[in-house]
Structures are given as C-alpha cells and as structure tokens.
PDB file of N, CA and C in Angstrom:
ATOM      1  N   MET A   1      28.365   9.524  17.474  1.00  0.00           N
ATOM      2  CA  MET A   1      28.125   9.755  16.060  1.00  0.00           C
ATOM      3  C   MET A   1      27.213   8.673  15.479  1.00  0.00           C
ATOM      4  N   GLU A   2      27.452   7.431  15.897  1.00  0.00           N
ATOM      5  CA  GLU A   2      26.643   6.312  15.401  1.00  0.00           C
ATOM      6  C   GLU A   2      25.176   6.482  15.788  1.00  0.00           C
ATOM      7  N   GLN A   3      24.951   6.937  17.024  1.00  0.00           N
ATOM      8  CA  GLN A   3      23.575   7.134  17.491  1.00  0.00           C
ATOM      9  C   GLN A   3      22.883   8.225  16.681  1.00  0.00           C
ATOM     10  N   PHE A   4      23.632   9.266  16.322  1.00  0.00           N
ATOM     11  CA  PHE A   4      23.069  10.340  15.499  1.00  0.00           C
ATOM     12  C   PHE A   4      22.634   9.797  14.152  1.00  0.00           C
ATOM     13  N   ASN A   5      23.460   8.943  13.534  1.00  0.00           N
ATOM     14  CA  ASN A   5      23.114   8.360  12.236  1.00  0.00           C
ATOM     15  C   ASN A   5      21.876   7.489  12.332  1.00  0.00           C
ATOM     16  N   GLN A   6      21.780   6.692  13.399  1.00  0.00           N
ATOM     17  CA  GLN A   6      20.601   5.843  13.572  1.00  0.00           C
ATOM     18  C   GLN A   6      19.352   6.692  13.774  1.00  0.00           C
ATOM     19  N   GLU A   7      19.485   7.734  14.558  1.00  0.00           N
ATOM     20  CA  GLU A   7      18.347   8.627  14.807  1.00  0.00           C
ATOM     21  C   GLU A   7      17.920   9.314  13.508  1.00  0.00           C
ATOM     22  N   TYR A   8      18.883   9.731  12.708  1.00  0.00           N
ATOM     23  CA  TYR A   8      18.579  10.385  11.430  1.00  0.00           C
ATOM     24  C   TYR A   8      17.885   9.416  10.484  1.00  0.00           C
ATOM     25  N   GLU A   9      18.337   8.164  10.445  1.00  0.00           N
ATOM     26  CA  GLU A   9      17.703   7.149   9.591  1.00  0.00           C
ATOM     27  C   GLU A   9      16.272   6.881  10.045  1.00  0.00           C
ATOM     28  N   ARG A  10      16.052   6.819  11.356  1.00  0.00           N
ATOM     29  CA  ARG A  10      14.698   6.636  11.873  1.00  0.00           C
ATOM     30  C   ARG A  10      13.814   7.817  11.487  1.00  0.00           C
ATOM     31  N   TYR A  11      14.372   9.020  11.557  1.00  0.00           N
ATOM     32  CA  TYR A  11      13.631  10.215  11.162  1.00  0.00           C
ATOM     33  C   TYR A  11      13.267  10.158   9.678  1.00  0.00           C
ATOM     34  N   GLN A  12      14.206   9.745   8.849  1.00  0.00           N
ATOM     35  CA  GLN A  12      13.962   9.650   7.409  1.00  0.00           C
ATOM     36  C   GLN A  12      12.856   8.637   7.102  1.00  0.00           C
ATOM     37  N   ARG A  13      12.902   7.474   7.783  1.00  0.00           N
ATOM     38  CA  ARG A  13      11.861   6.458   7.571  1.00  0.00           C
ATOM     39  C   ARG A  13      10.497   6.979   8.014  1.00  0.00           C
ATOM     40  N   ALA A  14      10.457   7.673   9.150  1.00  0.00           N
ATOM     41  CA  ALA A  14       9.195   8.229   9.644  1.00  0.00           C
ATOM     42  C   ALA A  14       8.658   9.278   8.674  1.00  0.00           C
ATOM     43  N   GLN A  15       9.544  10.105   8.158  1.00  0.00           N
ATOM     44  CA  GLN A  15       9.132  11.131   7.208  1.00  0.00           C
ATOM     45  C   GLN A  15       8.581  10.495   5.929  1.00  0.00           C
ATOM     46  N   LYS A  16       9.221   9.446   5.461  1.00  0.00           N
ATOM     47  CA  LYS A  16       8.744   8.736   4.273  1.00  0.00           C
ATOM     48  C   LYS A  16       7.357   8.144   4.531  1.00  0.00           C
ATOM     49  N   GLN A  17       7.154   7.577   5.723  1.00  0.00           N
ATOM     50  CA  GLN A  17       5.865   6.993   6.086  1.00  0.00           C
ATOM     51  C   GLN A  17       4.773   8.062   6.121  1.00  0.00           C
ATOM     52  N   VAL A  18       5.082   9.216   6.695  1.00  0.00           N
ATOM     53  CA  VAL A  18       4.110  10.311   6.755  1.00  0.00           C
ATOM     54  C   VAL A  18       3.753  10.775   5.343  1.00  0.00           C
ATOM     55  N   ASN A  19       4.732  10.876   4.458  1.00  0.00           N
ATOM     56  CA  ASN A  19       4.465  11.283   3.079  1.00  0.00           C
ATOM     57  C   ASN A  19       3.602  10.250   2.354  1.00  0.00           C
ATOM     58  N   GLU A  20       3.828   8.969   2.631  1.00  0.00           N
ATOM     59  CA  GLU A  20       2.990   7.911   2.045  1.00  0.00           C
ATOM     60  C   GLU A  20       1.543   8.070   2.491  1.00  0.00           C
ATOM     61  N   ILE A  21       1.341   8.338   3.774  1.00  0.00           N
ATOM     62  CA  ILE A  21      -0.017   8.479   4.312  1.00  0.00           C
ATOM     63  C   ILE A  21      -0.685   9.730   3.737  1.00  0.00           C
ATOM     64  N   LYS A  22       0.061  10.834   3.622  1.00  0.00           N
ATOM     65  CA  LYS A  22      -0.490  12.041   3.014  1.00  0.00           C
ATOM     66  C   LYS A  22      -0.895  11.781   1.573  1.00  0.00           C
ATOM     67  N   GLY A  23      -0.072  11.045   0.843  1.00  0.00           N
ATOM     68  CA  GLY A  23      -0.400  10.700  -0.536  1.00  0.00           C
ATOM     69  C   GLY A  23      -1.660   9.855  -0.625  1.00  0.00           C
ATOM     70  N   PHE A  24      -1.801   8.943   0.312  1.00  0.00           N
ATOM     71  CA  PHE A  24      -3.004   8.110   0.331  1.00  0.00           C
ATOM     72  C   PHE A  24      -4.248   8.958   0.563  1.00  0.00           C
ATOM     73  N   TYR A  25      -4.194   9.864   1.542  1.00  0.00           N
ATOM     74  CA  TYR A  25      -5.362  10.707   1.817  1.00  0.00           C
ATOM     75  C   TYR A  25      -5.705  11.608   0.634  1.00  0.00           C
ATOM     76  N   GLY A  26      -4.691  12.084  -0.084  1.00  0.00           N
ATOM     77  CA  GLY A  26      -4.948  12.862  -1.297  1.00  0.00           C
ATOM     78  C   GLY A  26      -5.634  12.023  -2.350  1.00  0.00           C
ATOM     79  N   ASN A  27      -5.154  10.793  -2.532  1.00  0.00           N
ATOM     80  CA  ASN A  27      -5.758   9.863  -3.488  1.00  0.00           C
ATOM     81  C   ASN A  27      -7.200   9.555  -3.084  1.00  0.00           C
ATOM     82  N   LEU A  28      -7.427   9.321  -1.798  1.00  0.00           N
ATOM     83  CA  LEU A  28      -8.770   9.021  -1.303  1.00  0.00           C
ATOM     84  C   LEU A  28      -9.716  10.197  -1.532  1.00  0.00           C
ATOM     85  N   ALA A  29      -9.251  11.413  -1.276  1.00  0.00           N
ATOM     86  CA  ALA A  29     -10.089  12.600  -1.485  1.00  0.00           C
ATOM     87  C   ALA A  29     -10.464  12.754  -2.962  1.00  0.00           C
ATOM     88  N   MET A  30      -9.506  12.548  -3.859  1.00  0.00           N
ATOM     89  CA  MET A  30      -9.795  12.634  -5.288  1.00  0.00           C
ATOM     90  C   MET A  30     -10.748  11.521  -5.720  1.00  0.00           C
ATOM     91  N   TYR A  31     -10.562  10.328  -5.176  1.00  0.00           N
ATOM     92  CA  TYR A  31     -11.432   9.188  -5.482  1.00  0.00           C
ATOM     93  C   TYR A  31     -12.876   9.531  -5.129  1.00  0.00           C
ATOM     94  N   ILE A  32     -13.085  10.063  -3.936  1.00  0.00           N
ATOM     95  CA  ILE A  32     -14.443  10.395  -3.500  1.00  0.00           C
ATOM     96  C   ILE A  32     -15.024  11.516  -4.355  1.00  0.00           C
ATOM     97  N   THR A  33     -14.254  12.569  -4.581  1.00  0.00           N
ATOM     98  CA  THR A  33     -14.729  13.725  -5.342  1.00  0.00           C
ATOM     99  C   THR A  33     -15.097  13.345  -6.776  1.00  0.00           C
ATOM    100  N   VAL A  34     -14.176  12.690  -7.456  1.00  0.00           N
ATOM    101  CA  VAL A  34     -14.410  12.336  -8.861  1.00  0.00           C
ATOM    102  C   VAL A  34     -15.569  11.355  -8.986  1.00  0.00           C
ATOM    103  N   ASN A  35     -15.641  10.373  -8.092  1.00  0.00           N
ATOM    104  CA  ASN A  35     -16.702   9.381  -8.220  1.00  0.00           C
ATOM    105  C   ASN A  35     -18.069   9.945  -7.855  1.00  0.00           C
ATOM    106  N   LEU A  36     -18.130  10.898  -6.930  1.00  0.00           N
ATOM    107  CA  LEU A  36     -19.406  11.587  -6.683  1.00  0.00           C
ATOM    108  C   LEU A  36     -19.850  12.363  -7.918  1.00  0.00           C
ATOM    109  N   PHE A  37     -18.895  13.009  -8.584  1.00  0.00           N
ATOM    110  CA  PHE A  37     -19.195  13.739  -9.811  1.00  0.00           C
ATOM    111  C   PHE A  37     -19.684  12.790 -10.911  1.00  0.00           C
ATOM    112  N   LEU A  38     -19.000  11.661 -11.062  1.00  0.00           N
ATOM    113  CA  LEU A  38     -19.424  10.673 -12.064  1.00  0.00           C
ATOM    114  C   LEU A  38     -20.806  10.106 -11.740  1.00  0.00           C
ATOM    115  N   MET A  39     -21.069   9.891 -10.461  1.00  0.00           N
ATOM    116  CA  MET A  39     -22.377   9.381 -10.051  1.00  0.00           C
ATOM    117  C   MET A  39     -23.472  10.401 -10.400  1.00  0.00           C
ATOM    118  N   PHE A  40     -23.193  11.662 -10.138  1.00  0.00           N
ATOM    119  CA  PHE A  40     -24.148  12.719 -10.470  1.00  0.00           C
ATOM    120  C   PHE A  40     -24.434  12.740 -11.973  1.00  0.00           C
ATOM    121  N   ILE A  41     -23.370  12.706 -12.782  1.00  0.00           N
ATOM    122  CA  ILE A  41     -23.548  12.724 -14.239  1.00  0.00           C
ATOM    123  C   ILE A  41     -24.356  11.514 -14.688  1.00  0.00           C
ATOM    124  N   ASN A  42     -24.008  10.340 -14.172  1.00  0.00           N
ATOM    125  CA  ASN A  42     -24.693   9.121 -14.559  1.00  0.00           C
ATOM    126  C   ASN A  42     -26.178   9.174 -14.191  1.00  0.00           C
ATOM    127  N   LEU A  43     -26.488   9.556 -12.970  1.00  0.00           N
ATOM    128  CA  LEU A  43     -27.878   9.547 -12.518  1.00  0.00           C
ATOM    129  C   LEU A  43     -28.713  10.653 -13.173  1.00  0.00           C
ATOM    130  N   LYS A  44     -28.070  11.743 -13.552  1.00  0.00           N
ATOM    131  CA  LYS A  44     -28.802  12.838 -14.193  1.00  0.00           C
ATOM    132  C   LYS A  44     -29.087  12.566 -15.668  1.00  0.00           C
ATOM    133  N   TYR A  45     -28.099  12.030 -16.393  1.00  0.00           N
ATOM    134  CA  TYR A  45     -28.233  11.934 -17.844  1.00  0.00           C
ATOM    135  C   TYR A  45     -28.534  10.535 -18.371  1.00  0.00           C
ATOM    136  N   SER A  46     -28.205   9.503 -17.642  1.00  0.00           N
ATOM    137  CA  SER A  46     -28.532   8.146 -18.114  1.00  0.00           C
ATOM    138  C   SER A  46     -28.803   7.220 -16.926  1.00  0.00           C
ATOM    139  N   PRO A  47     -29.872   7.494 -16.182  1.00  0.00           N
ATOM    140  CA  PRO A  47     -30.151   6.694 -14.984  1.00  0.00           C
ATOM    141  C   PRO A  47     -30.566   5.255 -15.285  1.00  0.00           C
ATOM    142  N   GLU A  48     -30.894   4.960 -16.538  1.00  0.00           N
ATOM    143  CA  GLU A  48     -31.309   3.601 -16.881  1.00  0.00           C
ATOM    144  C   GLU A  48     -30.140   2.611 -16.879  1.00  0.00           C
ATOM    145  N   TYR A  49     -28.924   3.115 -17.042  1.00  0.00           N
ATOM    146  CA  TYR A  49     -27.726   2.254 -16.989  1.00  0.00           C
ATOM    147  C   TYR A  49     -26.735   2.860 -15.997  1.00  0.00           C
ATOM    148  N   LEU A  50     -26.470   2.133 -14.926  1.00  0.00           N
ATOM    149  CA  LEU A  50     -25.585   2.644 -13.874  1.00  0.00           C
ATOM    150  C   LEU A  50     -24.132   2.257 -14.168  1.00  0.00           C
ATOM    151  N   TRP A  51     -23.481   3.060 -14.991  1.00  0.00           N
ATOM    152  CA  TRP A  51     -22.102   2.772 -15.390  1.00  0.00           C
ATOM    153  C   TRP A  51     -21.076   3.300 -14.396  1.00  0.00           C
ATOM    154  N   PHE A  52     -21.487   4.187 -13.478  1.00  0.00           N
ATOM    155  CA  PHE A  52     -20.518   4.789 -12.559  1.00  0.00           C
ATOM    156  C   PHE A  52     -19.902   3.758 -11.615  1.00  0.00           C
ATOM    157  N   PHE A  53     -20.542   2.578 -11.495  1.00  0.00           N
ATOM    158  CA  PHE A  53     -19.977   1.532 -10.637  1.00  0.00           C
ATOM    159  C   PHE A  53     -18.630   1.028 -11.154  1.00  0.00           C
ATOM    160  N   TRP A  54     -18.404   1.060 -12.456  1.00  0.00           N
ATOM    161  CA  TRP A  54     -17.162   0.508 -13.021  1.00  0.00           C
ATOM    162  C   TRP A  54     -15.936   1.316 -12.625  1.00  0.00           C
ATOM    163  N   PRO A  55     -15.929   2.642 -12.817  1.00  0.00           N
ATOM    164  CA  PRO A  55     -14.753   3.395 -12.332  1.00  0.00           C
ATOM    165  C   PRO A  55     -14.656   3.373 -10.805  1.00  0.00           C
ATOM    166  N   LEU A  56     -15.800   3.333 -10.124  1.00  0.00           N
ATOM    167  CA  LEU A  56     -15.806   3.245  -8.668  1.00  0.00           C
ATOM    168  C   LEU A  56     -15.084   1.979  -8.215  1.00  0.00           C
ATOM    169  N   LEU A  57     -15.387   0.865  -8.861  1.00  0.00           N
ATOM    170  CA  LEU A  57     -14.757  -0.413  -8.519  1.00  0.00           C
ATOM    171  C   LEU A  57     -13.284  -0.438  -8.905  1.00  0.00           C
ATOM    172  N   GLY A  58     -12.972  -0.054 -10.131  1.00  0.00           N
ATOM    173  CA  GLY A  58     -11.587  -0.109 -10.611  1.00  0.00           C
ATOM    174  C   GLY A  58     -10.642   0.761  -9.799  1.00  0.00           C
ATOM    175  N   TRP A  59     -11.007   2.006  -9.641  1.00  0.00           N
ATOM    176  CA  TRP A  59     -10.171   2.930  -8.877  1.00  0.00           C
ATOM    177  C   TRP A  59     -10.168   2.543  -7.401  1.00  0.00           C
ATOM    178  N   GLY A  60     -11.290   2.016  -6.918  1.00  0.00           N
ATOM    179  CA  GLY A  60     -11.391   1.603  -5.522  1.00  0.00           C
ATOM    180  C   GLY A  60     -10.391   0.513  -5.167  1.00  0.00           C
ATOM    181  N   ILE A  61     -10.171  -0.410  -6.082  1.00  0.00           N
ATOM    182  CA  ILE A  61      -9.170  -1.459  -5.844  1.00  0.00           C
ATOM    183  C   ILE A  61      -7.795  -0.827  -5.666  1.00  0.00           C
ATOM    184  N   GLY A  62      -7.478   0.135  -6.514  1.00  0.00           N
ATOM    185  CA  GLY A  62      -6.197   0.834  -6.395  1.00  0.00           C
ATOM    186  C   GLY A  62      -6.074   1.594  -5.080  1.00  0.00           C
ATOM    187  N   VAL A  63      -7.159   2.231  -4.646  1.00  0.00           N
ATOM    188  CA  VAL A  63      -7.142   2.974  -3.388  1.00  0.00           C
ATOM    189  C   VAL A  63      -6.906   2.025  -2.217  1.00  0.00           C
ATOM    190  N   VAL A  64      -7.525   0.859  -2.250  1.00  0.00           N
ATOM    191  CA  VAL A  64      -7.334  -0.124  -1.174  1.00  0.00           C
ATOM    192  C   VAL A  64      -5.871  -0.547  -1.089  1.00  0.00           C
ATOM    193  N   PHE A  65      -5.264  -0.876  -2.230  1.00  0.00           N
ATOM    194  CA  PHE A  65      -3.862  -1.286  -2.223  1.00  0.00           C
ATOM    195  C   PHE A  65      -2.937  -0.138  -1.793  1.00  0.00           C
ATOM    196  N   HIS A  66      -3.263   1.077  -2.210  1.00  0.00           N
ATOM    197  CA  HIS A  66      -2.471   2.233  -1.795  1.00  0.00           C
ATOM    198  C   HIS A  66      -2.548   2.398  -0.274  1.00  0.00           C
ATOM    199  N   GLY A  67      -3.745   2.241   0.280  1.00  0.00           N
ATOM    200  CA  GLY A  67      -3.911   2.336   1.728  1.00  0.00           C
ATOM    201  C   GLY A  67      -3.149   1.253   2.464  1.00  0.00           C
ATOM    202  N   MET A  68      -3.173   0.037   1.928  1.00  0.00           N
ATOM    203  CA  MET A  68      -2.428  -1.062   2.558  1.00  0.00           C
ATOM    204  C   MET A  68      -0.945  -0.754   2.581  1.00  0.00           C
ATOM    205  N   LYS A  69      -0.442  -0.188   1.498  1.00  0.00           N
ATOM    206  CA  LYS A  69       0.983   0.151   1.443  1.00  0.00           C
ATOM    207  C   LYS A  69       1.303   1.316   2.384  1.00  0.00           C
ATOM    208  N   ALA A  70       0.445   2.331   2.395  1.00  0.00           N
ATOM    209  CA  ALA A  70       0.697   3.517   3.218  1.00  0.00           C
ATOM    210  C   ALA A  70       0.699   3.190   4.709  1.00  0.00           C
ATOM    211  N   PHE A  71      -0.169   2.280   5.127  1.00  0.00           N
ATOM    212  CA  PHE A  71      -0.280   1.952   6.544  1.00  0.00           C
ATOM    213  C   PHE A  71       0.445   0.655   6.907  1.00  0.00           C
ATOM    214  N   ASN A  72       1.312   0.201   6.006  1.00  0.00           N
ATOM    215  CA  ASN A  72       2.125  -1.007   6.233  1.00  0.00           C
ATOM    216  C   ASN A  72       1.292  -2.221   6.628  1.00  0.00           C
ATOM    217  N   TYR A  73       0.165  -2.405   5.966  1.00  0.00           N
ATOM    218  CA  TYR A  73      -0.670  -3.575   6.210  1.00  0.00           C
ATOM    219  C   TYR A  73      -0.534  -4.490   4.999  1.00  0.00           C
ATOM    220  N   THR A  74       0.321  -5.487   5.139  1.00  0.00           N
ATOM    221  CA  THR A  74       0.533  -6.439   4.055  1.00  0.00           C
ATOM    222  C   THR A  74       0.359  -7.855   4.595  1.00  0.00           C
ATOM    223  N   PRO A  75      -0.863  -8.374   4.539  1.00  0.00           N
ATOM    224  CA  PRO A  75      -1.094  -9.710   5.088  1.00  0.00           C
ATOM    225  C   PRO A  75      -0.424 -10.807   4.266  1.00  0.00           C
ATOM    226  N   PHE A  76      -0.067 -10.513   3.040  1.00  0.00           N
ATOM    227  CA  PHE A  76       0.611 -11.481   2.196  1.00  0.00           C
ATOM    228  C   PHE A  76       1.877 -10.838   1.647  1.00  0.00           C
ATOM    229  N   LEU A  77       2.937 -11.584   1.698  1.00  0.00           N
ATOM    230  CA  LEU A  77       4.239 -11.141   1.179  1.00  0.00           C
ATOM    231  C   LEU A  77       4.731  -9.854   1.839  1.00  0.00           C
ATOM    232  N   GLY A  78       4.499  -9.720   3.134  1.00  0.00           N
ATOM    233  CA  GLY A  78       4.951  -8.550   3.867  1.00  0.00           C
ATOM    234  C   GLY A  78       6.351  -8.733   4.421  1.00  0.00           C
ATOM    235  N   ARG A  79       6.738  -7.822   5.268  1.00  0.00           N
ATOM    236  CA  ARG A  79       8.077  -7.816   5.858  1.00  0.00           C
ATOM    237  C   ARG A  79       8.338  -9.084   6.675  1.00  0.00           C
ATOM    238  N   GLU A  80       7.331  -9.528   7.442  1.00  0.00           N
ATOM    239  CA  GLU A  80       7.502 -10.732   8.256  1.00  0.00           C
ATOM    240  C   GLU A  80       7.723 -11.955   7.368  1.00  0.00           C
ATOM    241  N   TRP A  81       6.982 -12.023   6.268  1.00  0.00           N
ATOM    242  CA  TRP A  81       7.140 -13.128   5.333  1.00  0.00           C
ATOM    243  C   TRP A  81       8.551 -13.132   4.750  1.00  0.00           C
ATOM    244  N   GLU A  82       9.047 -11.957   4.375  1.00  0.00           N
ATOM    245  CA  GLU A  82      10.402 -11.853   3.827  1.00  0.00           C
ATOM    246  C   GLU A  82      11.438 -12.355   4.827  1.00  0.00           C
ATOM    247  N   GLU A  83      11.286 -11.929   6.082  1.00  0.00           N
ATOM    248  CA  GLU A  83      12.250 -12.348   7.107  1.00  0.00           C
ATOM    249  C   GLU A  83      12.199 -13.855   7.327  1.00  0.00           C
ATOM    250  N   ARG A  84      10.996 -14.436   7.366  1.00  0.00           N
ATOM    251  CA  ARG A  84      10.876 -15.888   7.534  1.00  0.00           C
ATOM    252  C   ARG A  84      11.521 -16.632   6.373  1.00  0.00           C
ATOM    253  N   LYS A  85      11.270 -16.176   5.150  1.00  0.00           N
ATOM    254  CA  LYS A  85      11.839 -16.837   3.969  1.00  0.00           C
ATOM    255  C   LYS A  85      13.360 -16.718   3.953  1.00  0.00           C
ATOM    256  N   MET A  86      13.872 -15.547   4.292  1.00  0.00           N
ATOM    257  CA  MET A  86      15.328 -15.376   4.315  1.00  0.00           C
ATOM    258  C   MET A  86      15.957 -16.306   5.342  1.00  0.00           C
ATOM    259  N   LYS A  87      15.349 -16.398   6.523  1.00  0.00           N
ATOM    260  CA  LYS A  87      15.869 -17.291   7.554  1.00  0.00           C
ATOM    261  C   LYS A  87      15.800 -18.737   7.087  1.00  0.00           C
ATOM    262  N   GLU A  88      14.696 -19.095   6.437  1.00  0.00           N
ATOM    263  CA  GLU A  88      14.540 -20.455   5.919  1.00  0.00           C
ATOM    264  C   GLU A  88      15.640 -20.782   4.909  1.00  0.00           C
ATOM    265  N   PHE A  89      15.903 -19.888   3.975  1.00  0.00           N
ATOM    266  CA  PHE A  89      16.935 -20.123   2.967  1.00  0.00           C
ATOM    267  C   PHE A  89      18.329 -20.175   3.588  1.00  0.00           C
ATOM    268  N   MET A  90      18.569 -19.299   4.563  1.00  0.00           N
ATOM    269  CA  MET A  90      19.881 -19.287   5.216  1.00  0.00           C
ATOM    270  C   MET A  90      20.090 -20.582   6.003  1.00  0.00           C
ATOM    271  N   ASP A  91      19.040 -21.052   6.700  1.00  0.00           N
ATOM    272  CA  ASP A  91      19.146 -22.313   7.444  1.00  0.00           C
ATOM    273  C   ASP A  91      19.368 -23.492   6.499  1.00  0.00           C
ATOM    274  N   LYS A  92      18.678 -23.476   5.373  1.00  0.00           N
ATOM    275  CA  LYS A  92      18.818 -24.546   4.401  1.00  0.00           C
ATOM    276  C   LYS A  92      20.241 -24.590   3.844  1.00  0.00           C
ATOM    277  N   GLU A  93      20.773 -23.410   3.514  1.00  0.00           N
ATOM    278  CA  GLU A  93      22.144 -23.344   2.993  1.00  0.00           C
ATOM    279  C   GLU A  93      23.152 -23.789   4.045  1.00  0.00           C
ATOM    280  N   LYS A  94      22.910 -23.408   5.292  1.00  0.00           N
ATOM    281  CA  LYS A  94      23.799 -23.796   6.393  1.00  0.00           C
ATOM    282  C   LYS A  94      23.800 -25.316   6.579  1.00  0.00           C
ATOM    283  N   GLN A  95      22.627 -25.937   6.478  1.00  0.00           N
ATOM    284  CA  GLN A  95      22.536 -27.395   6.581  1.00  0.00           C
ATOM    285  C   GLN A  95      23.264 -28.070   5.432  1.00  0.00           C
ATOM    286  N   GLN A  96      23.130 -27.540   4.246  1.00  0.00           N
ATOM    287  CA  GLN A  96      23.813 -28.119   3.089  1.00  0.00           C
ATOM    288  C   GLN A  96      25.323 -28.010   3.226  1.00  0.00           C
ATOM    289  N   ASN A  97      25.808 -26.885   3.728  1.00  0.00           N
ATOM    290  CA  ASN A  97      27.249 -26.688   3.910  1.00  0.00           C
ATOM    291  C   ASN A  97      27.797 -27.583   5.018  1.00  0.00           C
ATOM    292  N   ASN A  98      27.014 -27.817   6.072  1.00  0.00           N
ATOM    293  CA  ASN A  98      27.453 -28.688   7.146  1.00  0.00           C
ATOM    294  C   ASN A  98      27.468 -30.161   6.744  1.00  0.00           C
ATOM    295  N   GLY A  99      26.623 -30.511   5.786  1.00  0.00           N
ATOM    296  CA  GLY A  99      26.539 -31.893   5.324  1.00  0.00           C
ATOM    297  C   GLY A  99      27.665 -32.259   4.392  1.00  0.00           C
ATOM    298  N   GLN A 100      28.378 -31.310   3.867  1.00  0.00           N
ATOM    299  CA  GLN A 100      29.458 -31.600   2.911  1.00  0.00           C
ATOM    300  C   GLN A 100      30.745 -31.935   3.591  1.00  0.00           C
TER     301      GLN A 100
END
C-alpha cells in the first residue's frame, strides 16, 4: 500500500510538471504572436519610433522566469539552496543545544 501511495505522489508531481511546461509553451506562443502583431503595427504606422521593444522586453522577462519555473531551473534560491540552508540551521541549532 505504501508503494502505491509513493507511486501516486510521483505521478501527481509529474503531472503537475507537465502542466507547468504546457502553460509555459502557451505563454510563449502568445508572446510571439502578440509581439509580432505589435511589431507589424509599429512598423506600419509609426516606424520613426520603435515602441514595440518595450512590451517585448517587459513580457519577455516574465516569459523567461516562467520558463525557469516550468523547467525547474533556479540558479538562485532553488531547491538545493533550501536544503543547504535547512541543514545549516539544523546543525547550528544542534551545536547550540549540545553546548548547553
């Protein structure tokens, strides 16, 4: 029974990960579509001022962070960092308790 529960939890985590990646690809597709449309409007009606770069940059930052989250790429404050910090705090508390 325990193995079934572990397998089910692994399945749930995998399903959540797949949904995150699907959401990212949807966001990426909308980002490309909308920004191509904005670029077209900008270049057709006011080519003297290239304003389409601003939404491209702003939304692009969000897309990058969404991708990092979807693909579990967190070079700062990621899961490994959390585990190291927790171990550090637990070791520190253990040393303090042993010193008393």
